[in-house]
Every structure is written in structure tokens, then in C-alpha cells.
Amino acid sequence: MRAIFGPAANLGVKITLLLAAALMAAGLLFWWWWPGASYARHLRTVVEQPVPFSHQHHVAGLGIDCRFCHSSVELSADAGLPPTHTCMTCHSQIWTNAALLAPVRESFARDRPIVWRRITDLPDYVYFNHGIHIAKGVGCSSCHGDVASMALTYKARSLTMEFCLDCHRSPGRNLRPRSAIFDTAWQRTAHTPSPAALLALYHVPDRVLTDCSLCHR
């Protein structure tokens, strides 16, 4: 009796099974890799805002300190966003009729806050406190990049769990002198105190900084 399936059919089944296994492996790899990919994390992607605010102009150009707008960054878990009257401190006197600033004037006149779009996007189950990081010598640019050079703000760091753990496992190398905390262009030099000296300066506790409960509460 003649066989129903010939040698070619056997070869086709083997190829099909191999392709199915390869597709399954590729799917699992993509599922593992995708959440941390730069595209998925929106790295270096400018977020469109109601007003195209330029840190490059205000900070690098005019020398405005971070804390002028983010007034709670040293004391609170949240860095805070400036209320409209902070913007109008200057813009009630300069660029008073600029079309670009119409949303700011409208917000001030109606006493309604501007709805800014979030750039950093930590999940709700992650607890992060700006105040304690500033108090322990972590600079703004460690998490936000060189914001002062950004004409339009974008996310410069992945802010994944791996990113945070990398710092928490060895915090000393990520600390800086107090005078450099708000300098987003600061770089370590030969005159910078050693990581051990900075740990002692900021009295970083001798505890396991990778405990789950520090960030997941």
C-alpha cells in the first residue's frame, strides 16, 4: 500500500515545528525585552505640553534655580509643579502679549491650573521621595539628565527597577557635593570627594538599601 505522506511531508512538518518553536522563543524574548526598551519607555521623546516650556532658556540662559519652580523638591516626596502665579511673576512684565503664553494668561485669569503632561512615569506601586534623595546628595541630573540643556523636556533615564537598584547597590559613586546637587551639567573630577567621603558626609545609613519595602510600600 502506497504511503499517504511522502518524505517531503515529513520535512515540511519538521520545518513547521521548528518555525513554531522559533516564533514562541522570539515572542517570549520580546515579552521580556519590550517593557525596558527605550521606545517603550519613551526615552528622549519630547512630550507635547500646553506651553512649550524651555529649561534651556530659563535655567541655562537666565540662571533660574530649579527650586524657584519646583519649590517642594527638598522637603517633599513630590518635586511639585509651579502654580501659574509663579510664571506670572515674570510674565506679567515681559512677553505679556506673546501668543505662545496665552494658556498661561488664561490659566491665571480663570484661576485654573495648567494641566501639564507627565514625563517621568513611575508606577503607582513605586514610592519615590525627592526630599530624601536631595538630602543624601543625589543630584537632579542623576534621574532627570541635563535638564538645563533641554529646549523641550524629555525623559533622559529609563527609571526602571534595574536603574534604581544599580544606584542603591552602590550609592556612594552617585553622590555629589551639596553645591552641585542642582547643577545638571556637573561632572565628577579629580577634586570631587571620594564615594566613601560622600557617604560619610551625608550620613547614609549602614543598611541594605535594596530592601523591597524601601520602594514598595
Protein backbone atom coordinates (compact mmCIF):
# COMPACT_ATOMS: atom_id res chain seq x y z
CA MET A 1 0.00 0.00 0.00
CA ARG A 2 1.36 3.33 -1.00
CA ALA A 3 2.21 5.76 1.85
CA ILE A 4 -0.13 8.72 2.20
CA PHE A 5 2.65 11.16 3.19
CA GLY A 6 5.98 11.15 1.43
CA PRO A 7 9.43 12.31 2.59
CA ALA A 8 8.61 15.89 1.62
CA ALA A 9 5.71 15.91 4.09
CA ASN A 10 7.99 14.81 6.91
CA LEU A 11 10.40 17.57 6.05
CA GLY A 12 7.55 20.09 5.98
CA VAL A 13 6.35 19.03 9.44
CA LYS A 14 9.86 19.39 10.86
CA ILE A 15 10.26 22.85 9.37
CA THR A 16 6.84 23.87 10.66
CA LEU A 17 7.65 22.69 14.18
CA LEU A 18 11.00 24.46 14.11
CA LEU A 19 9.36 27.70 12.92
CA ALA A 20 6.70 27.41 15.63
CA ALA A 21 9.37 26.92 18.30
CA ALA A 22 11.38 29.85 16.94
CA LEU A 23 8.30 32.09 16.94
CA MET A 24 7.46 31.08 20.51
CA ALA A 25 11.03 31.79 21.64
CA ALA A 26 11.00 35.15 19.85
CA GLY A 27 7.66 36.02 21.46
CA LEU A 28 8.96 35.20 24.94
CA LEU A 29 12.13 37.21 24.29
CA PHE A 30 10.09 40.18 23.04
CA TRP A 31 7.77 39.94 26.09
CA TRP A 32 10.82 40.08 28.39
CA TRP A 33 12.70 42.80 26.48
CA TRP A 34 9.95 45.18 25.39
CA PRO A 35 9.00 46.81 28.76
CA GLY A 36 12.57 48.06 29.22
CA ALA A 37 13.14 49.12 25.61
CA SER A 38 13.91 52.77 25.00
CA TYR A 39 10.93 53.14 22.69
CA ALA A 40 8.52 51.60 25.20
CA ARG A 41 9.95 53.77 27.98
CA HIS A 42 9.67 56.88 25.76
CA LEU A 43 13.32 57.78 26.28
CA ARG A 44 14.43 61.03 24.65
CA THR A 45 10.93 61.56 23.27
CA VAL A 46 9.65 65.10 23.69
CA VAL A 47 6.22 65.23 25.33
CA GLU A 48 3.94 67.89 23.87
CA GLN A 49 2.83 70.32 26.59
CA PRO A 50 0.16 73.05 26.76
CA VAL A 51 3.03 75.55 26.76
CA PRO A 52 6.42 74.63 25.21
CA PHE A 53 8.48 75.48 28.29
CA SER A 54 12.25 75.61 27.69
CA HIS A 55 14.54 74.72 30.58
CA GLN A 56 17.45 75.65 28.33
CA HIS A 57 16.20 79.23 28.14
CA HIS A 58 15.04 79.63 31.74
CA VAL A 59 17.76 77.67 33.57
CA ALA A 60 20.90 77.71 31.40
CA GLY A 61 20.09 81.06 29.80
CA LEU A 62 18.54 83.09 32.61
CA GLY A 63 20.06 81.23 35.53
CA ILE A 64 16.77 80.43 37.31
CA ASP A 65 17.30 77.89 40.07
CA CYS A 66 15.37 74.59 39.94
CA ARG A 67 13.77 75.38 43.29
CA PHE A 68 12.14 78.55 42.02
CA CYS A 69 9.60 76.40 40.18
CA HIS A 70 9.98 73.07 41.96
CA SER A 71 9.74 74.62 45.40
CA SER A 72 8.97 71.45 47.38
CA VAL A 73 11.74 69.28 45.98
CA GLU A 74 13.93 69.49 49.10
CA LEU A 75 11.18 68.80 51.61
CA SER A 76 8.53 66.66 49.97
CA ALA A 77 8.17 63.36 48.18
CA ASP A 78 6.87 65.32 45.20
CA ALA A 79 9.07 67.91 43.48
CA GLY A 80 5.98 69.96 42.69
CA LEU A 81 4.99 71.96 39.64
CA PRO A 82 4.87 75.76 39.71
CA PRO A 83 1.46 77.39 40.11
CA THR A 84 0.59 79.84 37.36
CA HIS A 85 1.27 82.85 39.55
CA THR A 86 4.93 81.75 39.68
CA CYS A 87 5.09 82.04 35.88
CA MET A 88 3.32 85.40 36.03
CA THR A 89 5.95 86.71 38.46
CA CYS A 90 7.97 87.42 35.33
CA HIS A 91 5.45 87.22 32.52
CA SER A 92 3.23 89.93 33.90
CA GLN A 93 6.14 92.20 32.97
CA ILE A 94 7.81 90.55 29.96
CA TRP A 95 6.34 88.82 26.91
CA THR A 96 2.98 89.99 28.17
CA ASN A 97 1.22 89.62 24.81
CA ALA A 98 3.08 86.64 23.38
CA ALA A 99 0.68 84.20 21.70
CA LEU A 100 2.83 81.34 22.99
CA LEU A 101 1.91 82.27 26.56
CA ALA A 102 -1.83 82.65 26.01
CA PRO A 103 -2.56 79.44 28.01
CA VAL A 104 -0.60 80.88 30.95
CA ARG A 105 -2.54 84.14 30.93
CA GLU A 106 -5.84 82.26 30.59
CA SER A 107 -4.92 79.96 33.49
CA PHE A 108 -4.10 82.96 35.65
CA ALA A 109 -7.26 84.87 34.72
CA ARG A 110 -9.55 81.89 35.34
CA ASP A 111 -7.64 80.66 38.41
CA ARG A 112 -7.35 77.19 36.89
CA PRO A 113 -4.05 75.28 36.85
CA ILE A 114 -2.35 74.36 33.62
CA VAL A 115 -2.61 70.62 33.01
CA TRP A 116 0.95 69.55 32.28
CA ARG A 117 1.61 66.11 30.80
CA ARG A 118 3.74 63.76 32.89
CA ILE A 119 7.23 62.95 31.64
CA THR A 120 8.51 60.64 34.37
CA ASP A 121 6.16 57.70 34.80
CA LEU A 122 6.89 55.61 37.86
CA PRO A 123 4.11 53.09 38.52
CA ASP A 124 1.68 53.75 41.36
CA TYR A 125 3.15 50.84 43.34
CA VAL A 126 6.57 52.52 43.47
CA TYR A 127 7.26 55.02 46.26
CA PHE A 128 9.86 57.69 45.50
CA ASN A 129 10.75 60.61 47.75
CA HIS A 130 12.56 63.56 46.19
CA GLY A 131 13.35 65.14 49.54
CA ILE A 132 15.38 62.26 50.97
CA HIS A 133 17.38 61.84 47.75
CA ILE A 134 18.28 65.55 47.71
CA ALA A 135 19.16 65.43 51.43
CA LYS A 136 21.51 62.48 50.81
CA GLY A 137 23.40 64.11 47.95
CA VAL A 138 21.69 62.77 44.83
CA GLY A 139 21.66 65.40 42.10
CA CYS A 140 18.69 66.21 39.86
CA SER A 141 20.52 65.06 36.73
CA SER A 142 21.12 61.58 38.17
CA CYS A 143 17.48 60.79 37.39
CA HIS A 144 16.41 63.57 35.04
CA GLY A 145 19.52 64.12 32.91
CA ASP A 146 20.96 67.51 31.97
CA VAL A 147 17.59 69.26 32.12
CA ALA A 148 19.16 72.71 31.89
CA SER A 149 20.24 71.97 28.31
CA MET A 150 16.80 70.76 27.17
CA ALA A 151 14.96 73.15 24.87
CA LEU A 152 11.93 70.88 25.33
CA THR A 153 11.81 68.43 28.23
CA TYR A 154 12.12 64.70 27.68
CA LYS A 155 12.86 61.65 29.82
CA ALA A 156 16.62 61.04 29.85
CA ARG A 157 16.79 57.96 32.11
CA SER A 158 14.95 54.64 31.93
CA LEU A 159 13.76 54.80 35.58
CA THR A 160 13.32 51.04 35.53
CA MET A 161 13.76 48.93 38.65
CA GLU A 162 17.21 47.93 37.38
CA PHE A 163 18.15 51.63 37.09
CA CYS A 164 17.17 52.28 40.72
CA LEU A 165 18.82 49.13 42.08
CA ASP A 166 22.06 49.94 40.28
CA CYS A 167 22.27 53.14 42.36
CA HIS A 168 21.02 51.62 45.61
CA ARG A 169 23.58 48.81 45.48
CA SER A 170 26.44 51.30 45.34
CA PRO A 171 25.15 54.76 46.29
CA GLY A 172 28.49 56.44 47.02
CA ARG A 173 29.55 56.77 43.39
CA ASN A 174 26.29 58.55 42.58
CA LEU A 175 26.53 61.23 45.27
CA ARG A 176 27.93 64.72 44.79
CA PRO A 177 28.86 67.79 46.88
CA ARG A 178 25.98 69.91 48.18
CA SER A 179 26.94 72.78 45.90
CA ALA A 180 26.44 70.57 42.82
CA ILE A 181 23.09 68.95 43.59
CA PHE A 182 21.12 71.37 41.40
CA ASP A 183 23.81 71.72 38.73
CA THR A 184 22.56 69.41 36.00
CA ALA A 185 25.77 69.74 33.98
CA TRP A 186 28.03 68.70 36.89
CA GLN A 187 30.66 66.03 36.27
CA ARG A 188 32.91 64.22 38.72
CA THR A 189 36.52 65.49 38.68
CA ALA A 190 39.77 64.64 40.43
CA HIS A 191 38.86 67.14 43.15
CA THR A 192 35.50 65.53 43.92
CA PRO A 193 35.43 63.79 47.32
CA SER A 194 35.60 60.02 47.16
CA PRO A 195 32.41 57.93 47.33
CA ALA A 196 33.32 56.89 50.88
CA ALA A 197 33.79 60.52 51.93
CA LEU A 198 30.44 61.50 50.42
CA LEU A 199 28.70 58.61 52.16
CA ALA A 200 30.13 59.87 55.46
CA LEU A 201 29.23 63.49 54.65
CA TYR A 202 25.58 62.67 54.09
CA HIS A 203 25.38 60.08 56.90
CA VAL A 204 24.00 57.45 54.57
CA PRO A 205 22.77 54.69 56.92
CA ASP A 206 24.58 51.38 57.07
CA ARG A 207 21.59 49.36 55.95
CA VAL A 208 20.52 47.33 52.99
CA LEU A 209 19.25 49.91 50.52
CA THR A 210 17.85 47.20 48.28
CA ASP A 211 15.13 46.12 50.73
CA CYS A 212 11.85 45.76 48.84
CA SER A 213 9.97 47.80 51.43
CA LEU A 214 12.01 50.94 50.70
CA CYS A 215 10.28 51.46 47.37
CA HIS A 216 7.28 49.13 47.52
CA ARG A 217 5.06 50.06 50.47
